[in-house]
């Protein structure tokens, strides 16, 4: 057993995994491709080691990722199963309750909250860390696991467009292709899954986008969901389109949720992770998020712009 402040080696975590008989694997709330792909790949790894392993998460997995799941989704961790958490920067963001025994992550602000912690902020995706465990344990990556890992790396690098892409990420992807991944098929499965409702709310997000110097912000409110028939998850896809505006360094997508307003931030140079932490959130230096409770999106936008003043040029128009 290790202290909570210790980063473990892949060898130490591999030895721990070999001693597990039953495991429940989860990830962070508001899942994305790296979250689900890394967690599912860890489930497959544990099964290859002879453990009873399941994926569990308190929120429904989005449709475009559901095909990755190795079984019908469980919404709670079964009793008596060790809880393993993947791609989750804080324990309170885990998709199910319980005390984590293992924390696998690549967020730089991870406080090492589990009994075992395998955290590498240099990894482009948590999937890279899970892949290294396959290597450490000498377990073959079969096609289902390879597709899960590829999904994770592809989505967390923005289709290999973000600054976190490394030679290592491409080297792993080459191995995943040798294991049976076909990028064209993966593109269709991950990207050609939209509904007309999703298309409409993304269009509304773009129509409501406003520029403030080097910042672009869009807001989505409850009436926008009603108008389009879409959900908060449907609207999340808009943020990558906001990044296409020339001369903009920070983009923000603020959408209404039952708790208040959920924000996603992206940048090319600004440490938006630090901005998110000021609101109780977190994430990466160039990609982060937070939730402001009891505040609607327009007010949340004012609060965000106040924090960005002096950090970026707001163009003198607020």
Protein backbone atom coordinates (compact mmCIF):
# COMPACT_ATOMS: atom_id res chain seq x y z
CA UNK A 1 0.00 0.00 0.00
CA UNK A 2 1.22 3.51 -0.81
CA UNK A 3 0.62 6.95 0.62
CA UNK A 4 -1.96 9.19 -0.96
CA UNK A 5 0.70 11.71 -2.03
CA UNK A 6 2.75 9.23 -4.06
CA UNK A 7 2.88 8.75 -7.82
CA UNK A 8 3.30 5.07 -8.52
CA UNK A 9 5.26 3.44 -11.32
CA UNK A 10 3.60 1.37 -14.05
CA UNK A 11 5.28 -1.69 -12.53
CA UNK A 12 3.71 -1.03 -9.11
CA UNK A 13 0.27 -0.50 -10.64
CA UNK A 14 0.67 -3.60 -12.82
CA UNK A 15 1.40 -5.67 -9.69
CA UNK A 16 -1.66 -4.17 -8.01
CA UNK A 17 -3.90 -5.00 -10.99
CA UNK A 18 -2.73 -8.62 -11.00
CA UNK A 19 -4.01 -8.97 -7.43
CA UNK A 20 -7.55 -7.73 -8.18
CA UNK A 21 -10.37 -10.24 -8.50
CA UNK A 22 -13.36 -7.89 -9.00
CA UNK A 23 -13.16 -4.30 -10.29
CA UNK A 24 -15.61 -1.53 -11.12
CA UNK A 25 -14.10 1.01 -13.51
CA UNK A 26 -15.53 4.51 -13.82
CA UNK A 27 -14.50 7.93 -15.10
CA UNK A 28 -15.42 11.60 -14.74
CA UNK A 29 -18.88 13.10 -15.02
CA UNK A 30 -19.68 14.69 -18.37
CA UNK A 31 -17.80 11.94 -20.19
CA UNK A 32 -15.82 12.35 -23.38
CA UNK A 33 -13.95 9.96 -25.67
CA UNK A 34 -10.84 9.67 -23.52
CA UNK A 35 -12.93 9.07 -20.42
CA UNK A 36 -14.95 6.20 -21.87
CA UNK A 37 -12.23 4.81 -24.14
CA UNK A 38 -9.61 4.64 -21.39
CA UNK A 39 -12.03 3.14 -18.88
CA UNK A 40 -13.26 0.49 -21.31
CA UNK A 41 -9.69 -0.40 -22.31
CA UNK A 42 -8.87 -0.90 -18.62
CA UNK A 43 -11.90 -3.21 -18.27
CA UNK A 44 -10.61 -5.32 -21.16
CA UNK A 45 -7.13 -5.41 -19.61
CA UNK A 46 -8.47 -6.61 -16.26
CA UNK A 47 -10.52 -9.31 -17.94
CA UNK A 48 -7.41 -10.53 -19.74
CA UNK A 49 -5.81 -10.80 -16.28
CA UNK A 50 -8.69 -12.99 -15.11
CA UNK A 51 -10.62 -10.42 -13.06
CA UNK A 52 -14.35 -9.78 -13.09
CA UNK A 53 -14.37 -6.22 -14.42
CA UNK A 54 -17.27 -3.92 -15.31
CA UNK A 55 -17.71 -0.35 -16.50
CA UNK A 56 -20.07 1.70 -14.35
CA UNK A 57 -21.13 5.33 -14.51
CA UNK A 58 -23.95 7.32 -12.96
CA UNK A 59 -24.77 9.22 -16.16
CA UNK A 60 -25.81 7.75 -19.52
CA UNK A 61 -22.90 7.45 -21.93
CA UNK A 62 -23.50 9.56 -25.08
CA UNK A 63 -24.77 7.65 -28.10
CA UNK A 64 -21.61 8.20 -30.16
CA UNK A 65 -19.54 6.37 -27.50
CA UNK A 66 -22.03 3.72 -26.40
CA UNK A 67 -20.85 1.18 -28.96
CA UNK A 68 -17.54 0.94 -27.09
CA UNK A 69 -19.10 -0.45 -23.91
CA UNK A 70 -18.27 -4.11 -23.24
CA UNK A 71 -21.68 -4.76 -21.67
CA UNK A 72 -24.93 -3.00 -20.83
CA UNK A 73 -24.08 0.08 -18.81
CA UNK A 74 -24.19 -0.19 -15.02
CA UNK A 75 -25.12 3.01 -13.21
CA UNK A 76 -23.68 2.01 -9.82
CA UNK A 77 -20.61 0.12 -8.71
CA UNK A 78 -21.51 -3.44 -7.64
CA UNK A 79 -20.98 -4.17 -3.97
CA UNK A 80 -17.64 -5.76 -3.15
CA UNK A 81 -15.87 -4.51 -6.27
CA UNK A 82 -12.69 -2.43 -6.08
CA UNK A 83 -13.27 1.04 -7.54
CA UNK A 84 -10.79 2.14 -10.22
CA UNK A 85 -11.08 5.68 -11.60
CA UNK A 86 -9.72 6.79 -14.97
CA UNK A 87 -9.18 10.25 -16.53
CA UNK A 88 -10.65 12.03 -13.49
CA UNK A 89 -8.81 14.99 -11.98
CA UNK A 90 -10.62 14.92 -8.61
CA UNK A 91 -12.37 12.19 -6.67
CA UNK A 92 -15.57 14.23 -6.40
CA UNK A 93 -15.87 14.19 -10.21
CA UNK A 94 -16.03 10.40 -10.40
CA UNK A 95 -19.10 8.94 -12.05
CA UNK A 96 -20.03 6.72 -9.10
CA UNK A 97 -19.52 6.93 -5.37
CA UNK A 98 -16.96 4.97 -3.39
CA UNK A 99 -13.35 5.09 -2.29
CA UNK A 100 -11.02 4.79 -5.29
CA UNK A 101 -8.21 2.29 -5.01
CA UNK A 102 -6.62 3.34 -8.31
CA UNK A 103 -6.41 6.73 -10.03
CA UNK A 104 -5.15 6.76 -13.65
CA UNK A 105 -5.03 10.24 -15.13
CA UNK A 106 -3.15 12.81 -17.21
CA UNK A 107 -4.47 16.07 -15.68
CA UNK A 108 -1.72 18.21 -14.20
CA UNK A 109 -3.88 19.33 -11.25
CA UNK A 110 -4.66 15.78 -10.06
CA UNK A 111 -4.10 15.69 -6.24
CA UNK A 112 -3.32 11.93 -6.14
CA UNK A 113 -6.45 10.94 -4.27
CA UNK A 114 -6.34 7.15 -4.43
CA UNK A 115 -4.42 4.33 -2.80
CA UNK A 116 -2.50 3.87 -6.06
CA UNK A 117 -1.92 6.81 -8.42
CA UNK A 118 -0.59 6.56 -11.96
CA UNK A 119 -0.66 10.17 -13.18
CA UNK A 120 1.33 11.48 -16.14
CA UNK A 121 0.49 15.04 -17.31
CA UNK A 122 2.76 14.59 -20.33
CA UNK A 123 0.43 11.99 -21.82
CA UNK A 124 -1.81 13.31 -24.58
CA UNK A 125 -4.66 11.18 -23.20
CA UNK A 126 -5.22 8.88 -20.26
CA UNK A 127 -5.39 6.13 -22.86
CA UNK A 128 -1.63 6.39 -23.31
CA UNK A 129 -1.18 5.45 -19.65
CA UNK A 130 -3.57 2.50 -19.95
CA UNK A 131 -1.73 1.37 -23.09
CA UNK A 132 1.54 1.41 -21.15
CA UNK A 133 -0.04 -0.96 -18.61
CA UNK A 134 -0.80 -3.39 -21.43
CA UNK A 135 2.89 -3.28 -22.33
CA UNK A 136 4.01 -3.58 -18.70
CA UNK A 137 1.81 -6.64 -18.19
CA UNK A 138 2.63 -8.20 -21.56
CA UNK A 139 -1.05 -8.33 -22.53
CA UNK A 140 -1.95 -8.25 -26.21
CA UNK A 141 -4.16 -5.35 -27.33
CA UNK A 142 -6.98 -6.95 -29.30
CA UNK A 143 -9.28 -5.07 -31.68
CA UNK A 144 -11.99 -4.01 -29.16
CA UNK A 145 -9.37 -2.64 -26.77
CA UNK A 146 -7.50 -1.00 -29.64
CA UNK A 147 -10.68 0.75 -30.80
CA UNK A 148 -11.32 2.01 -27.27
CA UNK A 149 -7.76 3.34 -26.96
CA UNK A 150 -7.86 4.92 -30.42
CA UNK A 151 -11.14 6.65 -29.61
CA UNK A 152 -9.60 8.07 -26.46
CA UNK A 153 -6.46 9.41 -28.13
CA UNK A 154 -8.24 10.71 -31.21
CA UNK A 155 -10.85 12.65 -29.27
CA UNK A 156 -8.52 14.09 -26.62
CA UNK A 157 -6.18 15.39 -29.32
CA UNK A 158 -9.00 16.90 -31.38
CA UNK A 159 -8.41 14.47 -34.19
CA UNK A 160 -4.63 14.97 -33.79
CA UNK A 161 -4.96 18.77 -34.15
CA UNK A 162 -4.25 19.97 -30.59
CA UNK A 163 -0.89 20.97 -29.15
CA UNK A 164 -0.84 17.93 -26.87
CA UNK A 165 -0.15 15.64 -29.83
CA UNK A 166 3.26 13.99 -29.49
CA UNK A 167 5.34 11.51 -31.49
CA UNK A 168 4.43 9.00 -28.78
CA UNK A 169 0.71 9.44 -29.50
CA UNK A 170 1.25 8.69 -33.19
CA UNK A 171 3.47 5.72 -32.37
CA UNK A 172 0.73 4.22 -30.19
CA UNK A 173 -1.87 4.84 -32.89
CA UNK A 174 0.32 2.98 -35.39
CA UNK A 175 0.31 -0.03 -33.06
CA UNK A 176 -3.46 0.24 -32.63
CA UNK A 177 -3.87 0.17 -36.40
CA UNK A 178 -1.78 -2.98 -36.51
CA UNK A 179 -4.23 -4.41 -33.95
CA UNK A 180 -7.11 -3.84 -36.35
CA UNK A 181 -8.20 -0.20 -36.02
CA UNK A 182 -9.37 1.34 -39.32
CA UNK A 183 -9.33 5.16 -38.99
CA UNK A 184 -11.96 5.73 -41.69
CA UNK A 185 -14.39 3.38 -39.92
CA UNK A 186 -13.64 5.02 -36.57
CA UNK A 187 -14.34 8.46 -38.06
CA UNK A 188 -17.78 7.32 -39.18
CA UNK A 189 -18.58 5.77 -35.81
CA UNK A 190 -17.46 8.83 -33.85
CA UNK A 191 -18.48 11.68 -36.14
CA UNK A 192 -21.39 10.57 -38.29
CA UNK A 193 -23.75 10.05 -35.38
CA UNK A 194 -25.42 13.45 -35.02
CA UNK A 195 -29.16 14.01 -34.78
CA UNK A 196 -31.03 16.92 -36.34
CA UNK A 197 -31.58 18.20 -32.79
CA UNK A 198 -27.83 18.25 -32.20
CA UNK A 199 -27.27 19.99 -35.51
CA UNK A 200 -29.83 22.64 -34.62
CA UNK A 201 -28.44 23.43 -31.17
CA UNK A 202 -24.88 23.60 -32.48
CA UNK A 203 -26.13 26.06 -35.08
CA UNK A 204 -27.81 28.07 -32.34
CA UNK A 205 -24.59 28.04 -30.32
CA UNK A 206 -22.77 29.54 -33.29
CA UNK A 207 -25.49 32.11 -33.92
CA UNK A 208 -25.29 33.26 -30.30
CA UNK A 209 -21.48 33.50 -30.25
CA UNK A 210 -20.10 36.93 -29.36
CA UNK A 211 -16.56 38.22 -29.72
CA UNK A 212 -14.73 40.26 -27.09
CA UNK A 213 -11.30 41.04 -28.52
CA UNK A 214 -9.33 37.80 -28.30
CA UNK A 215 -12.23 35.92 -26.68
CA UNK A 216 -15.33 34.27 -28.16
CA UNK A 217 -18.16 33.25 -25.82
CA UNK A 218 -21.43 31.52 -26.57
CA UNK A 219 -24.30 30.84 -24.17
CA UNK A 220 -27.07 28.24 -24.24
CA UNK A 221 -30.08 28.45 -21.95
CA UNK A 222 -33.01 26.20 -21.08
CA UNK A 223 -35.24 27.84 -23.68
CA UNK A 224 -32.68 26.92 -26.34
CA UNK A 225 -33.00 23.25 -25.39
CA UNK A 226 -36.78 23.57 -25.63
CA UNK A 227 -36.57 25.34 -28.98
CA UNK A 228 -34.37 22.68 -30.57
CA UNK A 229 -35.38 19.55 -28.68
CA UNK A 230 -31.70 19.04 -27.86
CA UNK A 231 -29.83 18.43 -24.62
CA UNK A 232 -26.83 19.96 -22.89
CA UNK A 233 -24.65 17.11 -24.16
CA UNK A 234 -25.78 17.81 -27.72
CA UNK A 235 -24.55 21.39 -27.50
CA UNK A 236 -21.01 20.50 -26.37
CA UNK A 237 -19.87 19.87 -29.95
CA UNK A 238 -20.04 23.59 -30.73
CA UNK A 239 -16.82 24.52 -28.94
CA UNK A 240 -14.50 23.26 -31.67
CA UNK A 241 -16.26 25.48 -34.22
CA UNK A 242 -15.66 28.51 -32.00
CA UNK A 243 -11.92 27.87 -32.21
CA UNK A 244 -11.96 28.56 -35.97
CA UNK A 245 -12.30 32.36 -35.58
CA UNK A 246 -9.11 34.14 -36.65
CA UNK A 247 -7.32 36.21 -34.00
CA UNK A 248 -9.09 34.55 -31.07
CA UNK A 249 -7.10 32.89 -28.28
CA UNK A 250 -9.78 31.87 -25.74
CA UNK A 251 -13.18 30.35 -26.48
CA UNK A 252 -15.88 29.58 -23.92
CA UNK A 253 -19.08 27.57 -24.17
CA UNK A 254 -21.48 28.33 -21.31
CA UNK A 255 -24.63 26.24 -21.07
CA UNK A 256 -27.42 26.07 -18.55
CA UNK A 257 -27.69 22.94 -16.40
CA UNK A 258 -29.91 22.21 -13.37
CA UNK A 259 -27.13 23.31 -10.99
CA UNK A 260 -26.51 26.61 -12.77
CA UNK A 261 -24.05 27.07 -15.65
CA UNK A 262 -21.47 24.62 -16.95
CA UNK A 263 -18.49 26.12 -18.78
CA UNK A 264 -15.98 24.66 -21.21
CA UNK A 265 -12.83 26.67 -22.00
CA UNK A 266 -10.24 26.21 -24.73
CA UNK A 267 -7.14 28.19 -25.68
CA UNK A 268 -3.94 28.04 -27.70
CA UNK A 269 -1.69 29.85 -25.19
CA UNK A 270 -3.67 30.96 -22.12
CA UNK A 271 -3.75 28.75 -19.00
CA UNK A 272 -7.52 28.27 -18.91
CA UNK A 273 -7.03 25.53 -16.32
CA UNK A 274 -6.06 28.26 -13.86
CA UNK A 275 -9.13 30.29 -14.85
CA UNK A 276 -11.33 27.23 -14.28
CA UNK A 277 -9.80 26.60 -10.86
CA UNK A 278 -10.84 30.08 -9.77
CA UNK A 279 -14.43 28.87 -10.21
CA UNK A 280 -13.82 25.53 -8.47
CA UNK A 281 -13.19 23.60 -11.67
CA UNK A 282 -10.06 22.32 -13.34
CA UNK A 283 -8.59 20.45 -16.27
CA UNK A 284 -5.65 20.97 -18.55
CA UNK A 285 -3.70 24.15 -19.20
CA UNK A 286 -5.33 24.66 -22.61
CA UNK A 287 -8.63 22.81 -22.06
CA UNK A 288 -10.64 23.07 -18.86
CA UNK A 289 -14.10 23.45 -17.39
CA UNK A 290 -16.13 24.34 -14.33
CA UNK A 291 -19.68 24.76 -13.03
CA UNK A 292 -21.06 27.90 -11.40
CA UNK A 293 -23.99 26.98 -9.18
CA UNK A 294 -27.13 29.10 -9.07
CA UNK A 295 -26.03 31.37 -11.92
CA UNK A 296 -27.51 31.56 -15.42
CA UNK A 297 -25.26 31.70 -18.51
CA UNK A 298 -25.40 35.46 -19.20
CA UNK A 299 -24.33 36.25 -15.64
CA UNK A 300 -21.70 33.51 -15.82
CA UNK A 301 -20.37 35.17 -18.96
CA UNK A 302 -19.93 38.46 -17.11
CA UNK A 303 -18.07 36.65 -14.33
CA UNK A 304 -15.79 34.90 -16.82
CA UNK A 305 -14.97 38.08 -18.72
CA UNK A 306 -14.09 39.78 -15.43
CA UNK A 307 -11.56 37.01 -14.73
CA UNK A 308 -10.14 37.23 -18.25
CA UNK A 309 -9.66 41.00 -18.06
CA UNK A 310 -5.93 41.65 -17.94
CA UNK A 311 -5.17 38.10 -19.06
CA UNK A 312 -6.21 38.59 -22.67
CA UNK A 313 -7.23 41.62 -24.76
CA UNK A 314 -11.01 41.98 -24.52
CA UNK A 315 -11.04 44.66 -27.20
CA UNK A 316 -12.45 47.37 -24.96
CA UNK A 317 -16.03 46.21 -25.63
CA UNK A 318 -17.87 44.60 -22.73
